[in-house]
Amino acid sequence: MQAITVRDREAGTAGLTLTEIPYPHASENDVIVRVHAAGFTPGELAWPATWTDRSGRDRTPSVPGHELSGVVVELGYGTTGLSVGQRVFGLADWARDGSLAEYTAVEARNLAPLPADVDHAQAAALVISGLTAWQGLFDHGRLATGQTVLIHGSAGGVGSIAVQLAREAGARVIGTGRSADRERAADIGVDAFVDLETETLEDVGEVDVVLDVIGGDVLDRSAALVRNGGTLVTIAQPVNVLPRSGRSVFFVVEPDRATLAGLVARMRDGRLEPLVGAVRPLAEAPAAFAPGGRRAHGKTVIRVAHDEIRPSGLS
């Protein structure tokens, strides 16, 4: 089968190549998914799990990408809860071959059923951004109705979903970004917007929750904005400057079937819209993520398969 692989840790996204690799093996509690759409985060090429397994052994050539949407074509021993021919979407394990491939093996518990009327590209774009936004706001940030949340990168993939979820929860939302992001942020419902290039972040005042995807100086300065009992949440890096009287959380997104089901239900009834950018075929994945390449606004999705007919000869 065809897949995008990486062999050289130092090459970055320039090391992505389209190659032929063996069809995956379904271990216990796994399913094999025929991938229809996949997402990729360039930063994952710096993660140790991309290059070694959990025992520290080299596992290259690795297949990157961990967001996927597709159809189950095979069940591993002992797998329950899913069936062959079922549409699914979810998050592949960080330390295993991922979703930029025609087929991939995924633990069944990491996948959620995908309704027939949801496009695979939209589903793939929802996975990491949606899970990150939900876990950051509610599991870690404990955001509640009537509170104020500051969302950095509010027009991006994670930020735009976080804005929509926070609004639905009855929170006041302050978004940040660049001047070009102001209109998009307003369209998805921020109550106020701070241009980080020309405006003063500290003028925001105190907030109950900060959700950060930027890190660096923006993260450090945000600590002073967290009010007593509030929470500073980031996915960018460990927190260096702590809030005076609140909590801080640095987390890595985790698979969660129930959360994915809730997110896709919101998308179906119009309460949530993932930010889908360019949709490119598998062969164009290296060019889509090449340094300096032109990027569409929103999540770039790789379209792998175009039909939902189960290939013959698979069991």
Protein backbone atom coordinates (compact mmCIF):
# COMPACT_ATOMS: atom_id res chain seq x y z
CA MET A 1 0.00 0.00 0.00
CA GLN A 2 1.03 3.63 -0.37
CA ALA A 3 1.95 5.84 2.56
CA ILE A 4 3.87 8.97 3.43
CA THR A 5 6.97 8.05 5.44
CA VAL A 6 9.83 9.81 7.20
CA ARG A 7 13.31 8.40 7.85
CA ASP A 8 15.53 11.36 8.71
CA ARG A 9 14.84 13.19 11.99
CA GLU A 10 16.85 16.21 10.85
CA ALA A 11 15.07 16.67 7.51
CA GLY A 12 11.76 17.87 8.97
CA THR A 13 8.84 18.06 6.57
CA ALA A 14 11.30 18.03 3.65
CA GLY A 15 11.89 14.37 4.52
CA LEU A 16 8.29 13.33 3.80
CA THR A 17 8.15 10.88 0.88
CA LEU A 18 5.46 8.76 -0.80
CA THR A 19 6.50 5.10 -0.61
CA GLU A 20 5.16 1.56 -0.71
CA ILE A 21 4.98 -0.17 2.69
CA PRO A 22 3.40 -3.42 3.92
CA TYR A 23 -0.29 -3.58 4.81
CA PRO A 24 -0.62 -3.15 8.61
CA HIS A 25 -1.25 -5.92 11.11
CA ALA A 26 -4.29 -5.76 13.38
CA SER A 27 -3.18 -6.51 16.93
CA GLU A 28 -5.54 -7.41 19.75
CA ASN A 29 -8.27 -4.77 20.17
CA ASP A 30 -7.19 -3.04 16.94
CA VAL A 31 -9.11 -2.26 13.80
CA ILE A 32 -7.69 -1.66 10.35
CA VAL A 33 -9.11 1.51 8.86
CA ARG A 34 -9.15 2.34 5.19
CA VAL A 35 -8.21 5.99 5.49
CA HIS A 36 -10.33 8.48 3.57
CA ALA A 37 -8.99 11.69 5.09
CA ALA A 38 -6.05 12.42 7.35
CA GLY A 39 -4.52 15.29 9.27
CA PHE A 40 -0.88 15.99 10.06
CA THR A 41 0.83 18.30 12.56
CA PRO A 42 4.36 19.28 11.41
CA GLY A 43 5.47 19.58 15.03
CA GLU A 44 5.08 15.84 15.52
CA LEU A 45 8.33 15.32 13.61
CA ALA A 46 10.12 16.64 16.70
CA TRP A 47 8.41 14.19 19.06
CA PRO A 48 10.41 11.13 20.21
CA ALA A 49 7.41 8.85 19.59
CA THR A 50 7.65 9.57 15.85
CA TRP A 51 11.05 7.91 15.74
CA THR A 52 11.08 5.23 18.44
CA ASP A 53 8.57 2.87 19.99
CA ARG A 54 7.71 2.81 23.69
CA SER A 55 10.76 0.64 24.37
CA GLY A 56 13.06 3.18 22.74
CA ARG A 57 13.70 1.09 19.64
CA ASP A 58 13.99 2.74 16.24
CA ARG A 59 10.77 2.37 14.26
CA THR A 60 11.63 4.21 11.05
CA PRO A 61 10.48 4.52 8.36
CA SER A 62 7.56 6.04 10.29
CA VAL A 63 4.17 7.01 8.94
CA PRO A 64 3.21 10.40 10.44
CA GLY A 65 -0.22 11.94 10.85
CA HIS A 66 -2.61 10.91 13.61
CA GLU A 67 -6.00 12.42 12.73
CA LEU A 68 -8.05 10.15 10.53
CA SER A 69 -11.48 9.45 9.14
CA GLY A 70 -12.34 6.33 7.20
CA VAL A 71 -14.00 2.93 7.14
CA VAL A 72 -13.23 -0.18 9.20
CA VAL A 73 -12.08 -3.05 6.97
CA GLU A 74 -10.71 -5.53 9.52
CA LEU A 75 -11.06 -6.35 13.22
CA GLY A 76 -8.23 -7.59 15.41
CA TYR A 77 -8.70 -10.39 17.92
CA GLY A 78 -10.98 -9.44 20.78
CA THR A 79 -12.10 -6.15 19.23
CA THR A 80 -15.60 -5.07 20.22
CA GLY A 81 -17.74 -1.98 19.75
CA LEU A 82 -17.00 -1.48 16.03
CA SER A 83 -17.81 -3.50 12.92
CA VAL A 84 -16.41 -4.05 9.45
CA GLY A 85 -17.82 -1.46 7.03
CA GLN A 86 -18.46 1.11 9.77
CA ARG A 87 -17.47 4.75 9.21
CA VAL A 88 -15.18 6.01 11.99
CA PHE A 89 -12.92 8.92 12.90
CA GLY A 90 -10.43 9.50 15.66
CA LEU A 91 -6.86 9.78 16.88
CA ALA A 92 -4.15 7.23 16.12
CA ASP A 93 -1.57 6.34 18.78
CA TRP A 94 1.42 8.72 18.86
CA ALA A 95 3.95 5.86 19.03
CA ARG A 96 2.58 3.86 16.09
CA ASP A 97 2.37 4.43 12.36
CA GLY A 98 -0.26 7.05 11.67
CA SER A 99 -2.84 8.20 9.18
CA LEU A 100 -0.95 9.37 6.07
CA ALA A 101 -1.46 5.96 4.53
CA GLU A 102 -4.08 4.01 2.63
CA TYR A 103 -4.62 1.77 5.66
CA THR A 104 -3.67 2.09 9.30
CA ALA A 105 -4.06 0.04 12.48
CA VAL A 106 -5.76 1.87 15.37
CA GLU A 107 -6.97 0.81 18.78
CA ALA A 108 -10.75 0.60 18.56
CA ARG A 109 -11.21 2.67 21.71
CA ASN A 110 -9.49 5.64 20.00
CA LEU A 111 -12.20 5.84 17.33
CA ALA A 112 -15.78 7.08 17.33
CA PRO A 113 -18.59 6.24 14.89
CA LEU A 114 -18.96 8.76 12.07
CA PRO A 115 -22.49 9.52 10.82
CA ALA A 116 -23.13 8.88 7.13
CA ASP A 117 -23.86 12.54 6.38
CA VAL A 118 -20.52 13.90 7.66
CA ASP A 119 -17.72 14.38 5.13
CA HIS A 120 -14.47 12.59 5.94
CA ALA A 121 -12.39 15.74 5.42
CA GLN A 122 -14.48 17.67 7.95
CA ALA A 123 -14.22 14.79 10.42
CA ALA A 124 -10.44 14.56 10.11
CA ALA A 125 -10.14 18.32 10.66
CA LEU A 126 -12.21 18.05 13.81
CA VAL A 127 -10.17 15.42 15.66
CA ILE A 128 -7.12 17.09 17.25
CA SER A 129 -8.51 20.61 17.17
CA GLY A 130 -11.79 19.53 18.71
CA LEU A 131 -10.33 17.25 21.35
CA THR A 132 -7.70 19.84 22.29
CA ALA A 133 -10.25 22.62 22.60
CA TRP A 134 -12.65 20.52 24.69
CA GLN A 135 -10.00 19.09 27.00
CA GLY A 136 -8.31 22.48 27.42
CA LEU A 137 -11.48 24.38 28.22
CA PHE A 138 -13.45 21.88 30.28
CA ASP A 139 -11.32 18.95 31.46
CA HIS A 140 -8.35 21.10 32.47
CA GLY A 141 -9.67 24.68 32.49
CA ARG A 142 -12.97 23.84 34.22
CA LEU A 143 -14.67 26.63 32.30
CA ALA A 144 -18.20 27.37 33.54
CA THR A 145 -21.15 29.47 32.48
CA GLY A 146 -20.66 33.17 33.16
CA GLN A 147 -16.87 33.00 33.30
CA THR A 148 -14.43 34.81 31.01
CA VAL A 149 -11.95 32.90 28.86
CA LEU A 150 -8.98 34.26 26.91
CA ILE A 151 -8.26 32.14 23.83
CA HIS A 152 -4.95 32.71 22.07
CA GLY A 153 -4.90 31.98 18.36
CA SER A 154 -8.67 32.32 18.26
CA ALA A 155 -8.92 32.16 14.46
CA GLY A 156 -6.80 29.00 14.16
CA GLY A 157 -7.82 25.36 14.13
CA VAL A 158 -7.90 24.80 17.89
CA GLY A 159 -8.79 28.38 18.78
CA SER A 160 -11.78 28.66 16.45
CA ILE A 161 -13.35 25.51 17.86
CA ALA A 162 -12.58 26.64 21.41
CA VAL A 163 -14.35 29.95 20.75
CA GLN A 164 -17.46 28.15 19.53
CA LEU A 165 -17.49 25.70 22.46
CA ALA A 166 -16.93 28.44 25.02
CA ARG A 167 -19.75 30.52 23.57
CA GLU A 168 -22.08 27.54 23.69
CA ALA A 169 -21.13 27.04 27.35
CA GLY A 170 -22.20 30.58 28.16
CA ALA A 171 -18.75 32.07 28.70
CA ARG A 172 -17.51 35.51 27.67
CA VAL A 173 -14.78 35.02 25.06
CA ILE A 174 -11.76 37.21 24.40
CA GLY A 175 -9.74 36.13 21.38
CA THR A 176 -6.24 37.03 20.28
CA GLY A 177 -4.33 36.81 17.02
CA ARG A 178 -2.94 38.97 14.26
CA SER A 179 -4.76 41.85 12.59
CA ALA A 180 -5.72 39.60 9.68
CA ASP A 181 -7.53 37.31 12.13
CA ARG A 182 -9.88 39.92 13.56
CA GLU A 183 -12.71 39.44 11.07
CA ARG A 184 -12.63 35.65 11.28
CA ALA A 185 -12.61 35.80 15.08
CA ALA A 186 -15.61 38.12 15.03
CA ASP A 187 -17.46 35.80 12.66
CA ILE A 188 -17.17 32.86 15.04
CA GLY A 189 -18.32 34.87 18.04
CA VAL A 190 -15.57 36.44 20.15
CA ASP A 191 -16.83 39.21 22.43
CA ALA A 192 -13.53 41.09 22.16
CA PHE A 193 -10.34 40.69 20.13
CA VAL A 194 -6.74 41.65 20.89
CA ASP A 195 -4.29 42.12 18.03
CA LEU A 196 -1.05 40.78 19.51
CA GLU A 197 0.99 42.76 16.99
CA THR A 198 -0.43 46.22 17.75
CA GLU A 199 -2.47 46.06 20.97
CA THR A 200 -1.59 45.47 24.63
CA LEU A 201 -2.47 42.04 25.99
CA GLU A 202 -2.46 43.27 29.58
CA ASP A 203 -5.40 45.59 28.83
CA VAL A 204 -7.61 42.48 28.82
CA GLY A 205 -7.74 42.47 32.62
CA GLU A 206 -8.35 39.36 34.70
CA VAL A 207 -9.91 36.22 33.24
CA ASP A 208 -11.01 32.89 34.65
CA VAL A 209 -9.32 30.70 32.04
CA VAL A 210 -6.54 31.19 29.50
CA LEU A 211 -6.26 28.68 26.67
CA ASP A 212 -2.87 29.06 24.98
CA VAL A 213 -1.59 27.47 21.77
CA ILE A 214 1.29 29.92 21.16
CA GLY A 215 3.74 29.62 24.06
CA GLY A 216 6.77 31.82 24.58
CA ASP A 217 6.30 35.41 25.71
CA VAL A 218 2.54 35.31 25.14
CA LEU A 219 2.21 32.38 27.54
CA ASP A 220 4.46 34.03 30.14
CA ARG A 221 2.53 37.30 30.06
CA SER A 222 -0.80 35.50 30.29
CA ALA A 223 -0.02 34.18 33.77
CA ALA A 224 -0.64 37.62 35.29
CA LEU A 225 -4.13 37.72 33.76
CA VAL A 226 -5.45 34.67 35.61
CA ARG A 227 -7.71 35.71 38.48
CA ASN A 228 -7.82 34.01 41.87
CA GLY A 229 -8.90 30.40 41.41
CA GLY A 230 -8.52 30.53 37.63
CA THR A 231 -6.51 28.32 35.29
CA LEU A 232 -3.78 28.86 32.71
CA VAL A 233 -3.92 26.02 30.16
CA THR A 234 -1.40 25.50 27.36
CA ILE A 235 -0.50 22.90 24.76
CA ALA A 236 2.60 24.78 23.59
CA GLN A 237 5.18 24.11 26.30
CA PRO A 238 5.60 23.63 30.06
CA VAL A 239 4.61 26.74 32.01
CA ASN A 240 7.54 28.89 33.18
CA VAL A 241 5.64 31.77 34.80
CA LEU A 242 2.94 30.61 37.20
CA PRO A 243 -0.31 32.46 37.95
CA ARG A 244 -0.15 34.23 41.33
CA SER A 245 -3.19 32.49 42.79
CA GLY A 246 -4.43 30.04 40.17
CA ARG A 247 -3.56 26.76 38.51
CA SER A 248 -1.45 26.02 35.45
CA VAL A 249 -1.77 23.00 33.17
CA PHE A 250 0.39 21.86 30.25
CA PHE A 251 -1.20 18.91 28.50
CA VAL A 252 -1.01 16.67 25.45
CA VAL A 253 -4.32 15.85 23.79
CA GLU A 254 -5.70 12.35 24.39
CA PRO A 255 -8.16 10.18 22.44
CA ASP A 256 -11.70 10.20 23.79
CA ARG A 257 -14.57 8.47 22.00
CA ALA A 258 -17.32 10.16 24.00
CA THR A 259 -15.94 13.64 23.38
CA LEU A 260 -15.57 12.96 19.65
CA ALA A 261 -19.19 11.79 19.51
CA GLY A 262 -20.33 14.99 21.20
CA LEU A 263 -18.25 17.15 18.88
CA VAL A 264 -19.54 15.55 15.70
CA ALA A 265 -23.11 15.87 16.98
CA ARG A 266 -22.55 19.60 17.39
CA MET A 267 -21.12 19.80 13.89
CA ARG A 268 -24.12 18.00 12.39
CA ASP A 269 -26.65 20.38 13.91
CA GLY A 270 -24.71 23.52 13.06
CA ARG A 271 -23.39 24.44 16.49
CA LEU A 272 -19.76 23.77 15.54
CA GLU A 273 -17.76 24.29 12.36
CA PRO A 274 -14.18 23.05 12.02
CA LEU A 275 -11.82 25.25 10.04
CA VAL A 276 -10.98 23.20 6.92
CA GLY A 277 -8.35 24.66 4.62
CA ALA A 278 -6.83 22.98 1.57
CA VAL A 279 -7.75 19.37 0.79
CA ARG A 280 -4.91 17.64 -1.07
CA PRO A 281 -4.36 14.07 -2.34
CA LEU A 282 -1.91 11.75 -0.60
CA ALA A 283 0.72 12.16 -3.32
CA GLU A 284 0.78 15.92 -2.67
CA ALA A 285 1.21 15.65 1.09
CA PRO A 286 4.99 16.39 1.02
CA ALA A 287 4.36 19.58 -0.99
CA ALA A 288 1.39 20.55 1.19
CA PHE A 289 3.56 20.69 4.30
CA ALA A 290 6.87 21.76 2.76
CA PRO A 291 8.59 24.73 4.47
CA GLY A 292 7.57 27.97 2.83
CA GLY A 293 4.76 26.33 0.90
CA ARG A 294 1.52 28.21 0.45
CA ARG A 295 -1.02 27.24 3.09
CA ALA A 296 -4.74 27.76 2.95
CA HIS A 297 -6.36 29.38 5.97
CA GLY A 298 -7.49 26.50 8.16
CA LYS A 299 -6.52 22.87 8.67
CA THR A 300 -4.87 21.21 5.67
CA VAL A 301 -6.45 17.80 5.14
CA ILE A 302 -5.08 14.96 3.04
CA ARG A 303 -7.71 13.09 1.04
CA VAL A 304 -6.55 9.48 0.76
CA ALA A 305 -9.51 7.46 -0.57
CA HIS A 306 -12.49 8.81 -2.48
CA ASP A 307 -15.04 6.01 -2.20
CA GLU A 308 -16.35 3.78 0.54
CA ILE A 309 -16.32 0.46 -1.28
CA ARG A 310 -14.51 -2.14 0.76
CA PRO A 311 -11.61 -3.60 -1.26
CA SER A 312 -11.90 -7.32 -2.09
CA GLY A 313 -9.51 -9.80 -0.58
CA LEU A 314 -9.43 -8.22 2.89
CA SER A 315 -10.64 -10.19 5.87
